[in-house]
Every structure is written in C-alpha cells, then in structure tokens.
C-alpha atoms as a PDB file:
ATOM      1  CA  UNK A   1     119.311  67.808  86.134  1.00  0.00           C
ATOM      2  CA  UNK A   2     122.301  67.513  88.350  1.00  0.00           C
ATOM      3  CA  UNK A   3     123.739  70.567  89.965  1.00  0.00           C
ATOM      4  CA  UNK A   4     126.795  70.363  87.575  1.00  0.00           C
ATOM      5  CA  UNK A   5     124.868  70.327  84.450  1.00  0.00           C
ATOM      6  CA  UNK A   6     122.619  73.256  85.692  1.00  0.00           C
ATOM      7  CA  UNK A   7     125.973  75.285  86.377  1.00  0.00           C
ATOM      8  CA  UNK A   8     127.201  74.687  82.697  1.00  0.00           C
ATOM      9  CA  UNK A   9     123.504  75.482  81.386  1.00  0.00           C
ATOM     10  CA  UNK A  10     123.621  78.905  83.213  1.00  0.00           C
ATOM     11  CA  UNK A  11     127.143  79.541  82.474  1.00  0.00           C
ATOM     12  CA  UNK A  12     126.342  79.841  78.767  1.00  0.00           C
ATOM     13  CA  UNK A  13     125.158  82.694  76.715  1.00  0.00           C
ATOM     14  CA  UNK A  14     122.319  80.389  75.413  1.00  0.00           C
ATOM     15  CA  UNK A  15     121.101  80.415  78.982  1.00  0.00           C
ATOM     16  CA  UNK A  16     117.698  82.650  79.513  1.00  0.00           C
ATOM     17  CA  UNK A  17     117.955  85.386  81.855  1.00  0.00           C
ATOM     18  CA  UNK A  18     115.368  83.735  84.144  1.00  0.00           C
ATOM     19  CA  UNK A  19     117.366  80.351  84.152  1.00  0.00           C
ATOM     20  CA  UNK A  20     120.622  82.332  85.424  1.00  0.00           C
ATOM     21  CA  UNK A  21     118.823  84.451  87.928  1.00  0.00           C
ATOM     22  CA  UNK A  22     116.925  81.321  89.411  1.00  0.00           C
ATOM     23  CA  UNK A  23     120.383  79.410  89.648  1.00  0.00           C
ATOM     24  CA  UNK A  24     121.925  82.224  91.732  1.00  0.00           C
ATOM     25  CA  UNK A  25     119.715  85.165  92.730  1.00  0.00           C
ATOM     26  CA  UNK A  26     122.731  87.298  93.334  1.00  0.00           C
ATOM     27  CA  UNK A  27     122.966  87.476  89.420  1.00  0.00           C
ATOM     28  CA  UNK A  28     119.856  89.901  89.412  1.00  0.00           C
ATOM     29  CA  UNK A  29     121.897  92.668  90.570  1.00  0.00           C
ATOM     30  CA  UNK A  30     124.150  92.424  87.894  1.00  0.00           C
ATOM     31  CA  UNK A  31     121.196  92.527  85.263  1.00  0.00           C
ATOM     32  CA  UNK A  32     119.826  95.513  87.028  1.00  0.00           C
ATOM     33  CA  UNK A  33     123.223  97.464  86.569  1.00  0.00           C
ATOM     34  CA  UNK A  34     122.886  96.826  83.069  1.00  0.00           C
ATOM     35  CA  UNK A  35     119.365  97.254  82.757  1.00  0.00           C
ATOM     36  CA  UNK A  36     118.481  94.217  81.823  1.00  0.00           C
ATOM     37  CA  UNK A  37     114.853  92.628  82.804  1.00  0.00           C
ATOM     38  CA  UNK A  38     115.293  89.572  84.686  1.00  0.00           C
ATOM     39  CA  UNK A  39     111.365  88.798  85.681  1.00  0.00           C
ATOM     40  CA  UNK A  40     109.022  89.395  82.694  1.00  0.00           C
ATOM     41  CA  UNK A  41     112.046  89.425  80.206  1.00  0.00           C
ATOM     42  CA  UNK A  42     113.279  86.211  81.901  1.00  0.00           C
ATOM     43  CA  UNK A  43     112.595  84.031  79.008  1.00  0.00           C
ATOM     44  CA  UNK A  44     115.142  85.788  76.655  1.00  0.00           C
ATOM     45  CA  UNK A  45     118.394  84.184  76.100  1.00  0.00           C
ATOM     46  CA  UNK A  46     121.506  86.006  77.420  1.00  0.00           C
ATOM     47  CA  UNK A  47     123.296  86.302  73.880  1.00  0.00           C
ATOM     48  CA  UNK A  48     119.914  87.823  72.413  1.00  0.00           C
ATOM     49  CA  UNK A  49     119.528  90.527  74.911  1.00  0.00           C
ATOM     50  CA  UNK A  50     123.150  91.377  74.619  1.00  0.00           C
ATOM     51  CA  UNK A  51     123.010  91.873  71.200  1.00  0.00           C
ATOM     52  CA  UNK A  52     119.935  94.017  71.514  1.00  0.00           C
ATOM     53  CA  UNK A  53     121.658  96.413  73.908  1.00  0.00           C
ATOM     54  CA  UNK A  54     125.157  95.975  72.655  1.00  0.00           C
ATOM     55  CA  UNK A  55     126.535  94.499  75.722  1.00  0.00           C
ATOM     56  CA  UNK A  56     129.673  92.090  75.411  1.00  0.00           C
ATOM     57  CA  UNK A  57     127.811  88.533  76.581  1.00  0.00           C
ATOM     58  CA  UNK A  58     131.503  87.024  77.552  1.00  0.00           C
ATOM     59  CA  UNK A  59     132.064  89.737  79.983  1.00  0.00           C
ATOM     60  CA  UNK A  60     128.660  89.457  81.542  1.00  0.00           C
ATOM     61  CA  UNK A  61     129.127  85.939  82.041  1.00  0.00           C
ATOM     62  CA  UNK A  62     132.388  86.524  83.378  1.00  0.00           C
ATOM     63  CA  UNK A  63     130.768  88.943  86.198  1.00  0.00           C
ATOM     64  CA  UNK A  64     128.196  86.027  86.791  1.00  0.00           C
ATOM     65  CA  UNK A  65     130.783  83.521  87.047  1.00  0.00           C
ATOM     66  CA  UNK A  66     132.457  85.814  89.934  1.00  0.00           C
ATOM     67  CA  UNK A  67     129.547  85.223  92.323  1.00  0.00           C
ATOM     68  CA  UNK A  68     128.709  81.758  91.271  1.00  0.00           C
ATOM     69  CA  UNK A  69     132.311  80.713  92.691  1.00  0.00           C
ATOM     70  CA  UNK A  70     131.103  81.496  96.280  1.00  0.00           C
ATOM     71  CA  UNK A  71     127.903  79.659  97.848  1.00  0.00           C
ATOM     72  CA  UNK A  72     124.369  81.148  97.883  1.00  0.00           C
ATOM     73  CA  UNK A  73     123.104  82.065 101.170  1.00  0.00           C
ATOM     74  CA  UNK A  74     120.688  79.057 101.997  1.00  0.00           C
ATOM     75  CA  UNK A  75     118.056  81.791 102.941  1.00  0.00           C
ATOM     76  CA  UNK A  76     117.895  83.006  99.515  1.00  0.00           C
ATOM     77  CA  UNK A  77     118.122  79.750  97.626  1.00  0.00           C
ATOM     78  CA  UNK A  78     114.565  79.951  96.384  1.00  0.00           C
ATOM     79  CA  UNK A  79     114.958  77.533  93.659  1.00  0.00           C
ATOM     80  CA  UNK A  80     115.539  74.730  96.249  1.00  0.00           C
ATOM     81  CA  UNK A  81     112.444  75.686  98.246  1.00  0.00           C
ATOM     82  CA  UNK A  82     109.466  73.360  98.178  1.00  0.00           C
ATOM     83  CA  UNK A  83     106.688  74.825  96.223  1.00  0.00           C
ATOM     84  CA  UNK A  84     104.414  75.295  99.066  1.00  0.00           C
ATOM     85  CA  UNK A  85     106.737  76.959 101.005  1.00  0.00           C
ATOM     86  CA  UNK A  86     107.916  79.113  98.028  1.00  0.00           C
ATOM     87  CA  UNK A  87     104.151  80.033  97.692  1.00  0.00           C
ATOM     88  CA  UNK A  88     103.969  81.257 101.159  1.00  0.00           C
ATOM     89  CA  UNK A  89     106.683  83.148 101.034  1.00  0.00           C
ATOM     90  CA  UNK A  90     105.619  84.907  98.116  1.00  0.00           C
ATOM     91  CA  UNK A  91     102.144  85.518  99.843  1.00  0.00           C
ATOM     92  CA  UNK A  92     103.683  86.644 103.182  1.00  0.00           C
ATOM     93  CA  UNK A  93     106.437  88.778 101.530  1.00  0.00           C
ATOM     94  CA  UNK A  94     105.550  90.170  98.181  1.00  0.00           C
ATOM     95  CA  UNK A  95     101.757  90.349  98.445  1.00  0.00           C
ATOM     96  CA  UNK A  96     101.929  91.597 101.846  1.00  0.00           C
ATOM     97  CA  UNK A  97     104.065  94.626 100.711  1.00  0.00           C
ATOM     98  CA  UNK A  98     101.467  94.901  98.028  1.00  0.00           C
ATOM     99  CA  UNK A  99      98.480  94.966 100.471  1.00  0.00           C
ATOM    100  CA  UNK A 100     100.399  97.440 102.775  1.00  0.00           C
ATOM    101  CA  UNK A 101     101.421  99.853  99.993  1.00  0.00           C
ATOM    102  CA  UNK A 102      99.561  99.745  96.621  1.00  0.00           C
ATOM    103  CA  UNK A 103      96.441 102.110  97.916  1.00  0.00           C
ATOM    104  CA  UNK A 104      98.807 104.636  99.356  1.00  0.00           C
ATOM    105  CA  UNK A 105     101.075 104.856  96.250  1.00  0.00           C
ATOM    106  CA  UNK A 106      97.495 105.244  94.260  1.00  0.00           C
ATOM    107  CA  UNK A 107      96.692 107.938  96.687  1.00  0.00           C
ATOM    108  CA  UNK A 108      99.804 109.916  96.237  1.00  0.00           C
ATOM    109  CA  UNK A 109     100.029 109.438  92.586  1.00  0.00           C
ATOM    110  CA  UNK A 110      96.498 110.957  92.218  1.00  0.00           C
ATOM    111  CA  UNK A 111      97.337 113.860  94.757  1.00  0.00           C
ATOM    112  CA  UNK A 112     100.593 114.860  92.433  1.00  0.00           C
ATOM    113  CA  UNK A 113      98.568 114.430  89.187  1.00  0.00           C
ATOM    114  CA  UNK A 114      96.032 116.952  90.447  1.00  0.00           C
ATOM    115  CA  UNK A 115      98.399 119.530  92.015  1.00  0.00           C
ATOM    116  CA  UNK A 116     101.331 119.133  89.332  1.00  0.00           C
ATOM    117  CA  UNK A 117      99.749 117.872  86.480  1.00  0.00           C
ATOM    118  CA  UNK A 118      99.509 121.255  84.647  1.00  0.00           C
ATOM    119  CA  UNK A 119     103.204 121.692  84.450  1.00  0.00           C
ATOM    120  CA  UNK A 120     103.941 118.158  84.435  1.00  0.00           C
ATOM    121  CA  UNK A 121     101.480 116.490  82.290  1.00  0.00           C
ATOM    122  CA  UNK A 122     103.427 112.919  82.707  1.00  0.00           C
ATOM    123  CA  UNK A 123     102.092 112.559  86.488  1.00  0.00           C
ATOM    124  CA  UNK A 124      98.615 112.660  84.850  1.00  0.00           C
ATOM    125  CA  UNK A 125      99.163 109.474  83.113  1.00  0.00           C
ATOM    126  CA  UNK A 126     101.327 107.816  85.638  1.00  0.00           C
ATOM    127  CA  UNK A 127      98.572 108.152  87.945  1.00  0.00           C
ATOM    128  CA  UNK A 128      96.058 106.810  85.197  1.00  0.00           C
ATOM    129  CA  UNK A 129      98.620 103.572  84.702  1.00  0.00           C
ATOM    130  CA  UNK A 130      98.999 103.419  88.442  1.00  0.00           C
ATOM    131  CA  UNK A 131      95.202 103.279  88.752  1.00  0.00           C
ATOM    132  CA  UNK A 132      94.840 100.146  86.536  1.00  0.00           C
ATOM    133  CA  UNK A 133      97.475  98.161  87.913  1.00  0.00           C
ATOM    134  CA  UNK A 134      95.885  98.624  91.236  1.00  0.00           C
ATOM    135  CA  UNK A 135      92.805  97.243  89.923  1.00  0.00           C
ATOM    136  CA  UNK A 136      94.413  94.661  88.168  1.00  0.00           C
ATOM    137  CA  UNK A 137      96.463  93.411  91.123  1.00  0.00           C
ATOM    138  CA  UNK A 138      93.601  93.048  93.314  1.00  0.00           C
ATOM    139  CA  UNK A 139      92.197  90.089  91.204  1.00  0.00           C
ATOM    140  CA  UNK A 140      95.629  89.029  90.175  1.00  0.00           C
ATOM    141  CA  UNK A 141      96.597  88.143  93.927  1.00  0.00           C
ATOM    142  CA  UNK A 142      93.431  86.748  94.661  1.00  0.00           C
ATOM    143  CA  UNK A 143      93.682  84.102  91.908  1.00  0.00           C
ATOM    144  CA  UNK A 144      96.948  83.179  93.209  1.00  0.00           C
ATOM    145  CA  UNK A 145      96.015  82.954  96.740  1.00  0.00           C
ATOM    146  CA  UNK A 146      92.473  81.284  96.251  1.00  0.00           C
ATOM    147  CA  UNK A 147      93.124  78.916  93.008  1.00  0.00           C
ATOM    148  CA  UNK A 148      96.586  78.402  92.077  1.00  0.00           C
ATOM    149  CA  UNK A 149      98.613  78.097  95.203  1.00  0.00           C
ATOM    150  CA  UNK A 150      95.984  75.885  97.085  1.00  0.00           C
ATOM    151  CA  UNK A 151      95.947  73.598  93.989  1.00  0.00           C
ATOM    152  CA  UNK A 152      99.907  73.422  93.991  1.00  0.00           C
ATOM    153  CA  UNK A 153      99.839  72.525  97.703  1.00  0.00           C
ATOM    154  CA  UNK A 154      97.172  69.665  97.309  1.00  0.00           C
ATOM    155  CA  UNK A 155      99.076  68.297  94.802  1.00  0.00           C
ATOM    156  CA  UNK A 156     102.286  68.455  96.523  1.00  0.00           C
ATOM    157  CA  UNK A 157     100.780  66.573  99.472  1.00  0.00           C
ATOM    158  CA  UNK A 158      98.898  64.027  97.232  1.00  0.00           C
ATOM    159  CA  UNK A 159     102.688  63.520  95.789  1.00  0.00           C
ATOM    160  CA  UNK A 160     104.322  63.131  99.165  1.00  0.00           C
ATOM    161  CA  UNK A 161     101.585  60.721 100.427  1.00  0.00           C
ATOM    162  CA  UNK A 162     102.251  58.582  97.199  1.00  0.00           C
ATOM    163  CA  UNK A 163      98.772  59.203  96.040  1.00  0.00           C
ATOM    164  CA  UNK A 164      97.622  60.244  92.734  1.00  0.00           C
ATOM    165  CA  UNK A 165      96.889  63.909  92.174  1.00  0.00           C
ATOM    166  CA  UNK A 166      93.474  65.161  91.638  1.00  0.00           C
ATOM    167  CA  UNK A 167      92.756  65.894  87.771  1.00  0.00           C
ATOM    168  CA  UNK A 168      90.741  68.858  88.456  1.00  0.00           C
ATOM    169  CA  UNK A 169      93.685  70.363  90.204  1.00  0.00           C
ATOM    170  CA  UNK A 170      95.929  69.735  87.188  1.00  0.00           C
ATOM    171  CA  UNK A 171      93.794  71.473  85.301  1.00  0.00           C
ATOM    172  CA  UNK A 172      93.544  74.459  87.749  1.00  0.00           C
ATOM    173  CA  UNK A 173      97.138  75.031  87.226  1.00  0.00           C
ATOM    174  CA  UNK A 174      97.397  74.608  83.733  1.00  0.00           C
ATOM    175  CA  UNK A 175      94.771  77.333  83.216  1.00  0.00           C
ATOM    176  CA  UNK A 176      96.085  79.689  86.163  1.00  0.00           C
ATOM    177  CA  UNK A 177      99.664  79.593  84.552  1.00  0.00           C
ATOM    178  CA  UNK A 178      98.329  81.095  81.420  1.00  0.00           C
ATOM    179  CA  UNK A 179      96.199  83.705  82.734  1.00  0.00           C
ATOM    180  CA  UNK A 180      98.730  84.746  85.366  1.00  0.00           C
ATOM    181  CA  UNK A 181     101.905  84.633  82.891  1.00  0.00           C
ATOM    182  CA  UNK A 182      99.808  87.188  80.594  1.00  0.00           C
ATOM    183  CA  UNK A 183      98.783  89.373  83.348  1.00  0.00           C
ATOM    184  CA  UNK A 184     102.630  89.201  84.703  1.00  0.00           C
ATOM    185  CA  UNK A 185     103.595  90.652  80.971  1.00  0.00           C
ATOM    186  CA  UNK A 186     100.800  93.404  81.175  1.00  0.00           C
ATOM    187  CA  UNK A 187     101.742  94.656  84.844  1.00  0.00           C
ATOM    188  CA  UNK A 188     105.433  94.734  83.838  1.00  0.00           C
ATOM    189  CA  UNK A 189     104.752  96.738  80.906  1.00  0.00           C
ATOM    190  CA  UNK A 190     102.731  99.017  82.691  1.00  0.00           C
ATOM    191  CA  UNK A 191     105.197  99.558  85.309  1.00  0.00           C
ATOM    192  CA  UNK A 192     108.138  99.993  82.796  1.00  0.00           C
ATOM    193  CA  UNK A 193     105.897 102.708  80.998  1.00  0.00           C
ATOM    194  CA  UNK A 194     105.607 104.583  84.545  1.00  0.00           C
ATOM    195  CA  UNK A 195     109.549 104.183  84.646  1.00  0.00           C
ATOM    196  CA  UNK A 196     110.053 105.880  81.305  1.00  0.00           C
ATOM    197  CA  UNK A 197     107.374 108.468  81.868  1.00  0.00           C
ATOM    198  CA  UNK A 198     109.197 109.590  85.103  1.00  0.00           C
ATOM    199  CA  UNK A 199     112.747 109.609  83.305  1.00  0.00           C
ATOM    200  CA  UNK A 200     113.530 106.615  85.833  1.00  0.00           C
ATOM    201  CA  UNK A 201     111.868 108.717  88.787  1.00  0.00           C
ATOM    202  CA  UNK A 202     113.902 111.874  88.352  1.00  0.00           C
ATOM    203  CA  UNK A 203     112.617 114.621  90.305  1.00  0.00           C
ATOM    204  CA  UNK A 204     111.822 117.893  88.504  1.00  0.00           C
ATOM    205  CA  UNK A 205     113.365 120.814  90.197  1.00  0.00           C
ATOM    206  CA  UNK A 206     111.036 122.457  92.692  1.00  0.00           C
ATOM    207  CA  UNK A 207     108.367 119.856  93.172  1.00  0.00           C
ATOM    208  CA  UNK A 208     107.096 119.276  96.712  1.00  0.00           C
ATOM    209  CA  UNK A 209     107.655 116.304  99.195  1.00  0.00           C
ATOM    210  CA  UNK A 210     104.648 114.373  98.366  1.00  0.00           C
ATOM    211  CA  UNK A 211     106.022 114.058  94.705  1.00  0.00           C
ATOM    212  CA  UNK A 212     109.158 113.271  95.624  1.00  0.00           C
ATOM    213  CA  UNK A 213     107.599 110.423  98.090  1.00  0.00           C
ATOM    214  CA  UNK A 214     105.504 109.311  95.307  1.00  0.00           C
ATOM    215  CA  UNK A 215     108.580 108.509  93.091  1.00  0.00           C
ATOM    216  CA  UNK A 216     110.287 107.030  95.904  1.00  0.00           C
ATOM    217  CA  UNK A 217     107.230 104.783  96.509  1.00  0.00           C
ATOM    218  CA  UNK A 218     106.896 103.864  92.741  1.00  0.00           C
ATOM    219  CA  UNK A 219     110.696 103.040  92.571  1.00  0.00           C
ATOM    220  CA  UNK A 220     110.002 100.547  95.705  1.00  0.00           C
ATOM    221  CA  UNK A 221     107.248  98.881  93.879  1.00  0.00           C
ATOM    222  CA  UNK A 222     108.887  98.340  90.695  1.00  0.00           C
ATOM    223  CA  UNK A 223     111.883  96.760  92.521  1.00  0.00           C
ATOM    224  CA  UNK A 224     109.312  94.452  94.675  1.00  0.00           C
ATOM    225  CA  UNK A 225     107.685  93.876  91.587  1.00  0.00           C
ATOM    226  CA  UNK A 226     110.866  92.628  89.678  1.00  0.00           C
ATOM    227  CA  UNK A 227     111.642  89.905  92.857  1.00  0.00           C
ATOM    228  CA  UNK A 228     107.853  89.051  93.177  1.00  0.00           C
ATOM    229  CA  UNK A 229     107.763  88.310  89.319  1.00  0.00           C
ATOM    230  CA  UNK A 230     110.918  86.499  89.225  1.00  0.00           C
ATOM    231  CA  UNK A 231     110.055  84.182  91.814  1.00  0.00           C
ATOM    232  CA  UNK A 232     106.842  82.997  90.076  1.00  0.00           C
ATOM    233  CA  UNK A 233     107.958  83.517  86.537  1.00  0.00           C
ATOM    234  CA  UNK A 234     111.163  81.788  86.684  1.00  0.00           C
ATOM    235  CA  UNK A 235     110.820  79.336  89.656  1.00  0.00           C
ATOM    236  CA  UNK A 236     107.382  78.674  90.746  1.00  0.00           C
ATOM    237  CA  UNK A 237     105.624  78.543  87.471  1.00  0.00           C
ATOM    238  CA  UNK A 238     107.916  76.322  85.708  1.00  0.00           C
ATOM    239  CA  UNK A 239     107.697  73.869  88.414  1.00  0.00           C
ATOM    240  CA  UNK A 240     104.218  74.040  88.720  1.00  0.00           C
ATOM    241  CA  UNK A 241     103.604  73.346  85.187  1.00  0.00           C
ATOM    242  CA  UNK A 242     105.923  70.083  85.464  1.00  0.00           C
ATOM    243  CA  UNK A 243     103.397  68.663  88.470  1.00  0.00           C
END
C-alpha cells in the first residue's frame, strides 16, 4: 500500500485504533486522553470504540488529522523500521525496563498489602494480580527473545540474501504469534484490573511513602506496557505474520 493510500485508510472511522497509532505514534496521546486502549484494544475500529464511549468520531479524527499534518520524527516512525531492528529496540527498551523494575514493584506491592491491607483491601488483590503478571511475564519475554525474534531475524536474513526461508521458522512464527497475542490480552486485562482497583492510582489519605511509590511505579508499568504491546500487536506481529 502506498503512503497516500495508508493515510486515507487511517483517516477514516473504519480504521482500527492500532492502524491509526501504527501510522503515527503521536495519535497514542490522543487516545490516552480519551481513555481509549490502543495496545490490547488496537484491533477495534475507531467508529466502534467511539460509539461504545459516546465520543464524536468526527471530532476525534480532526484531532488526529491535525497531528498528521506535520511529519513524524524519524526516530519514532516505528512502522518503517526493519523487523529485526524493531525487535532489538523492544528488547533493549521495554524488556530491559521490565527486567529492571518488575521484581521491585512486586516487592513493594506485597509490602503495602501486608501493611495497609486491613484498611485498604484492594491492595491485597492488586498484589496478587501483579504477582501473576510478574510470573507470566518471565516466560513471555523469554519466548520472544529466544524463539520468535530469532526466527524473524533468520527469515529476514534469508529474504535479503535471496534465499528461501526455513519452513520450521515460518511455523515457529505462526505458533508464537497466536500464543503471544493471547498472553498480551491476559496481561492487558490484568493491568486494567489494577487500574480499576486502585481508582486510577489515586492515593487514599494518610498512606505511607511506599504506598505512593508503588502506585507511581504501577502507573509507569502500565504506560510502558501500552507502548510495548502496541509495537508488537500493531506493528511487529502483523508484519511477522506476512513473512
């Protein structure tokens, strides 16, 4: 599809949220402002989500058109990156963030559950949910780094060399995309549950510094997850499926 056709597709209410954000990452801020999930909910058409939320799709499209009138910074034009480069970026940015912060968030969540759970029972449930997220994420990241991303790199290398790709790598990608997409949905649902239980990370009166730090880190975790899943669900996975 040429660029003008792509722009036309992503400027209509029939376009999915993921297509719009993949076309211009700056539209993610607009969807965030209106409470629209652009990562796990990226496959939903704009018209449908606007109808569900009582939003004016024409007004939303005008907001998106306003940012599309200026060029995207090439350093953020993820949809144009080669797949191996995008995979490396995901590992070095988002996987690195998770590896550096997940265990600490889990520890803090457990602490506030033990200290404040009697008066704020929601933090007990939040700690349990995050414990499951932490456990699931370990296998999820390993699967991407050791199975999916190397298969993508091998197929891309074969394509550049003018050689046929290995059928085994094609099957690895097909199977991995199904599994990882399902896991993204489960992790996304879990994070949304934490957001709901925490009243969008609003701090109750009189809580300790650790409570405040835990909620801040949970919010950062959610923000990072949104971009991480967007890059995979809406850009890397669809391109990998076409390999």
